[in-house]
């Protein structure tokens, strides 16, 4: 599916826990889907094309957009919807992508002082 004009196709994430930390069952996860979504596709006239890419996470307004299923048919219950289509004005926040962290090496690099002492002690011996 490709959205038209200045619309954005989003996929909502199911909520796995409540605000209080209670783990939600599967049927409640669909019902209480988060307003934090993943971008699937952008329309041709979308002004955010330079800053927004598929895979980015955004926050949407609670009453924004239309629920649709995988076939593109509108759905009236949020728990039956797989995708969400909204206008770009309905996007409230774009979350920055997290860069992969460098894996710490299991062995620390020797410092200059350590190397100088090692060379001095080797010369003395």
C-alpha atoms as a PDB file:
ATOM      1  CA  UNK A   1       0.000   0.000   0.000  1.00  0.00           C
ATOM      2  CA  UNK A   2       1.201   3.483  -0.844  1.00  0.00           C
ATOM      3  CA  UNK A   3      -0.511   6.492   0.776  1.00  0.00           C
ATOM      4  CA  UNK A   4      -1.577   9.384  -1.447  1.00  0.00           C
ATOM      5  CA  UNK A   5      -0.764  13.085  -1.114  1.00  0.00           C
ATOM      6  CA  UNK A   6       0.559  14.167   2.313  1.00  0.00           C
ATOM      7  CA  UNK A   7      -0.461  11.055   4.216  1.00  0.00           C
ATOM      8  CA  UNK A   8       1.629   8.590   6.189  1.00  0.00           C
ATOM      9  CA  UNK A   9       1.002   4.855   6.596  1.00  0.00           C
ATOM     10  CA  UNK A  10       1.762   3.732  10.148  1.00  0.00           C
ATOM     11  CA  UNK A  11       1.791   0.487  12.073  1.00  0.00           C
ATOM     12  CA  UNK A  12       0.823   0.745  15.718  1.00  0.00           C
ATOM     13  CA  UNK A  13       2.672  -1.134  18.385  1.00  0.00           C
ATOM     14  CA  UNK A  14       0.619  -3.196  20.804  1.00  0.00           C
ATOM     15  CA  UNK A  15       0.999  -2.208  24.430  1.00  0.00           C
ATOM     16  CA  UNK A  16       2.602  -5.069  26.366  1.00  0.00           C
ATOM     17  CA  UNK A  17       2.293  -3.527  29.819  1.00  0.00           C
ATOM     18  CA  UNK A  18       0.035  -0.974  31.448  1.00  0.00           C
ATOM     19  CA  UNK A  19       1.312   2.275  32.948  1.00  0.00           C
ATOM     20  CA  UNK A  20       1.488   0.569  36.311  1.00  0.00           C
ATOM     21  CA  UNK A  21       3.638  -2.241  34.926  1.00  0.00           C
ATOM     22  CA  UNK A  22       0.917  -4.897  34.709  1.00  0.00           C
ATOM     23  CA  UNK A  23       1.446  -7.300  31.799  1.00  0.00           C
ATOM     24  CA  UNK A  24      -1.559  -7.149  29.483  1.00  0.00           C
ATOM     25  CA  UNK A  25      -3.090 -10.275  27.891  1.00  0.00           C
ATOM     26  CA  UNK A  26      -3.103 -10.579  24.078  1.00  0.00           C
ATOM     27  CA  UNK A  27      -6.653  -9.281  23.545  1.00  0.00           C
ATOM     28  CA  UNK A  28      -5.996  -6.220  25.719  1.00  0.00           C
ATOM     29  CA  UNK A  29      -2.719  -5.499  23.887  1.00  0.00           C
ATOM     30  CA  UNK A  30      -4.650  -4.894  20.662  1.00  0.00           C
ATOM     31  CA  UNK A  31      -7.250  -2.761  22.381  1.00  0.00           C
ATOM     32  CA  UNK A  32      -4.755  -0.528  24.189  1.00  0.00           C
ATOM     33  CA  UNK A  33      -2.359  -0.057  21.307  1.00  0.00           C
ATOM     34  CA  UNK A  34       0.203   2.637  21.860  1.00  0.00           C
ATOM     35  CA  UNK A  35       0.077   6.011  20.149  1.00  0.00           C
ATOM     36  CA  UNK A  36       3.750   5.475  19.323  1.00  0.00           C
ATOM     37  CA  UNK A  37       3.832   4.077  15.778  1.00  0.00           C
ATOM     38  CA  UNK A  38       6.341   2.889  13.207  1.00  0.00           C
ATOM     39  CA  UNK A  39       6.301   4.574   9.791  1.00  0.00           C
ATOM     40  CA  UNK A  40       5.639   2.114   6.942  1.00  0.00           C
ATOM     41  CA  UNK A  41       5.326   4.435   3.916  1.00  0.00           C
ATOM     42  CA  UNK A  42       5.069   8.129   3.014  1.00  0.00           C
ATOM     43  CA  UNK A  43       2.836   9.811   0.438  1.00  0.00           C
ATOM     44  CA  UNK A  44       4.274  11.569  -2.615  1.00  0.00           C
ATOM     45  CA  UNK A  45       3.565  15.123  -1.400  1.00  0.00           C
ATOM     46  CA  UNK A  46       4.751  14.592   2.158  1.00  0.00           C
ATOM     47  CA  UNK A  47       6.904  17.532   3.267  1.00  0.00           C
ATOM     48  CA  UNK A  48       8.638  15.423   5.920  1.00  0.00           C
ATOM     49  CA  UNK A  49      10.348  13.142   3.382  1.00  0.00           C
ATOM     50  CA  UNK A  50      13.808  14.463   4.240  1.00  0.00           C
ATOM     51  CA  UNK A  51      13.437  13.964   7.977  1.00  0.00           C
ATOM     52  CA  UNK A  52      11.035  11.033   8.110  1.00  0.00           C
ATOM     53  CA  UNK A  53      11.832   7.594   6.687  1.00  0.00           C
ATOM     54  CA  UNK A  54      10.157   4.181   6.870  1.00  0.00           C
ATOM     55  CA  UNK A  55      11.161   2.536  10.135  1.00  0.00           C
ATOM     56  CA  UNK A  56      11.146   5.776  12.161  1.00  0.00           C
ATOM     57  CA  UNK A  57       8.960   5.974  15.245  1.00  0.00           C
ATOM     58  CA  UNK A  58       6.431   8.777  15.653  1.00  0.00           C
ATOM     59  CA  UNK A  59       3.802   9.845  18.156  1.00  0.00           C
ATOM     60  CA  UNK A  60       0.311  10.518  16.806  1.00  0.00           C
ATOM     61  CA  UNK A  61      -2.744  12.300  18.161  1.00  0.00           C
ATOM     62  CA  UNK A  62      -5.373  10.139  19.831  1.00  0.00           C
ATOM     63  CA  UNK A  63      -8.182  11.024  17.378  1.00  0.00           C
ATOM     64  CA  UNK A  64      -6.059  11.244  14.245  1.00  0.00           C
ATOM     65  CA  UNK A  65      -6.358   9.210  11.086  1.00  0.00           C
ATOM     66  CA  UNK A  66      -8.215   6.110   9.891  1.00  0.00           C
ATOM     67  CA  UNK A  67      -7.850   2.479  10.906  1.00  0.00           C
ATOM     68  CA  UNK A  68      -7.338   0.043   8.041  1.00  0.00           C
ATOM     69  CA  UNK A  69      -6.599  -3.670   7.726  1.00  0.00           C
ATOM     70  CA  UNK A  70      -3.998  -5.353   5.519  1.00  0.00           C
ATOM     71  CA  UNK A  71      -6.387  -5.259   2.521  1.00  0.00           C
ATOM     72  CA  UNK A  72      -6.814  -1.485   2.826  1.00  0.00           C
ATOM     73  CA  UNK A  73     -10.422  -1.665   4.004  1.00  0.00           C
ATOM     74  CA  UNK A  74     -11.455   0.757   6.763  1.00  0.00           C
ATOM     75  CA  UNK A  75     -11.998  -0.827  10.167  1.00  0.00           C
ATOM     76  CA  UNK A  76     -14.086   0.648  12.988  1.00  0.00           C
ATOM     77  CA  UNK A  77     -12.538  -1.211  15.925  1.00  0.00           C
ATOM     78  CA  UNK A  78      -8.888  -0.442  16.653  1.00  0.00           C
ATOM     79  CA  UNK A  79      -8.273  -4.024  17.770  1.00  0.00           C
ATOM     80  CA  UNK A  80      -9.204  -5.277  14.261  1.00  0.00           C
ATOM     81  CA  UNK A  81      -6.845  -2.877  12.470  1.00  0.00           C
ATOM     82  CA  UNK A  82      -3.325  -3.687  11.400  1.00  0.00           C
ATOM     83  CA  UNK A  83      -2.383  -0.283   9.973  1.00  0.00           C
ATOM     84  CA  UNK A  84      -3.228   3.329  10.545  1.00  0.00           C
ATOM     85  CA  UNK A  85      -3.218   6.110   7.951  1.00  0.00           C
ATOM     86  CA  UNK A  86      -2.846   9.720   9.050  1.00  0.00           C
ATOM     87  CA  UNK A  87      -2.058  13.099   7.557  1.00  0.00           C
ATOM     88  CA  UNK A  88       1.412  14.433   8.226  1.00  0.00           C
ATOM     89  CA  UNK A  89      -0.079  17.243  10.354  1.00  0.00           C
ATOM     90  CA  UNK A  90      -1.334  14.572  12.783  1.00  0.00           C
ATOM     91  CA  UNK A  91       2.213  13.487  13.643  1.00  0.00           C
ATOM     92  CA  UNK A  92       3.229  15.103  16.910  1.00  0.00           C
ATOM     93  CA  UNK A  93       6.773  13.846  17.560  1.00  0.00           C
ATOM     94  CA  UNK A  94       9.464  12.034  15.588  1.00  0.00           C
ATOM     95  CA  UNK A  95      11.650   9.976  17.908  1.00  0.00           C
ATOM     96  CA  UNK A  96      15.354   9.905  17.033  1.00  0.00           C
ATOM     97  CA  UNK A  97      16.780   6.580  15.982  1.00  0.00           C
ATOM     98  CA  UNK A  98      19.073   5.022  18.508  1.00  0.00           C
ATOM     99  CA  UNK A  99      22.539   4.451  17.151  1.00  0.00           C
ATOM    100  CA  UNK A 100      23.949   1.007  17.891  1.00  0.00           C
ATOM    101  CA  UNK A 101      26.256   1.247  20.862  1.00  0.00           C
ATOM    102  CA  UNK A 102      29.830   0.208  20.485  1.00  0.00           C
ATOM    103  CA  UNK A 103      30.496  -3.095  22.171  1.00  0.00           C
ATOM    104  CA  UNK A 104      32.946  -2.639  25.027  1.00  0.00           C
ATOM    105  CA  UNK A 105      36.099  -4.605  24.525  1.00  0.00           C
ATOM    106  CA  UNK A 106      36.760  -7.255  27.111  1.00  0.00           C
ATOM    107  CA  UNK A 107      40.293  -5.976  27.477  1.00  0.00           C
ATOM    108  CA  UNK A 108      41.109  -2.348  28.228  1.00  0.00           C
ATOM    109  CA  UNK A 109      43.680  -0.555  26.104  1.00  0.00           C
ATOM    110  CA  UNK A 110      46.964  -0.027  27.942  1.00  0.00           C
ATOM    111  CA  UNK A 111      47.625   3.565  28.879  1.00  0.00           C
ATOM    112  CA  UNK A 112      50.753   5.481  27.915  1.00  0.00           C
ATOM    113  CA  UNK A 113      51.993   5.525  31.549  1.00  0.00           C
ATOM    114  CA  UNK A 114      51.626   1.763  31.809  1.00  0.00           C
ATOM    115  CA  UNK A 115      53.574   1.241  28.594  1.00  0.00           C
ATOM    116  CA  UNK A 116      56.368   3.620  29.677  1.00  0.00           C
ATOM    117  CA  UNK A 117      56.727   1.834  33.043  1.00  0.00           C
ATOM    118  CA  UNK A 118      56.775  -1.540  31.296  1.00  0.00           C
ATOM    119  CA  UNK A 119      59.549  -0.377  28.936  1.00  0.00           C
ATOM    120  CA  UNK A 120      61.589   1.102  31.845  1.00  0.00           C
ATOM    121  CA  UNK A 121      61.266  -2.063  33.913  1.00  0.00           C
ATOM    122  CA  UNK A 122      62.238  -4.187  30.896  1.00  0.00           C
ATOM    123  CA  UNK A 123      65.315  -2.026  30.259  1.00  0.00           C
ATOM    124  CA  UNK A 124      66.316  -2.216  33.920  1.00  0.00           C
ATOM    125  CA  UNK A 125      66.166  -5.984  33.921  1.00  0.00           C
END
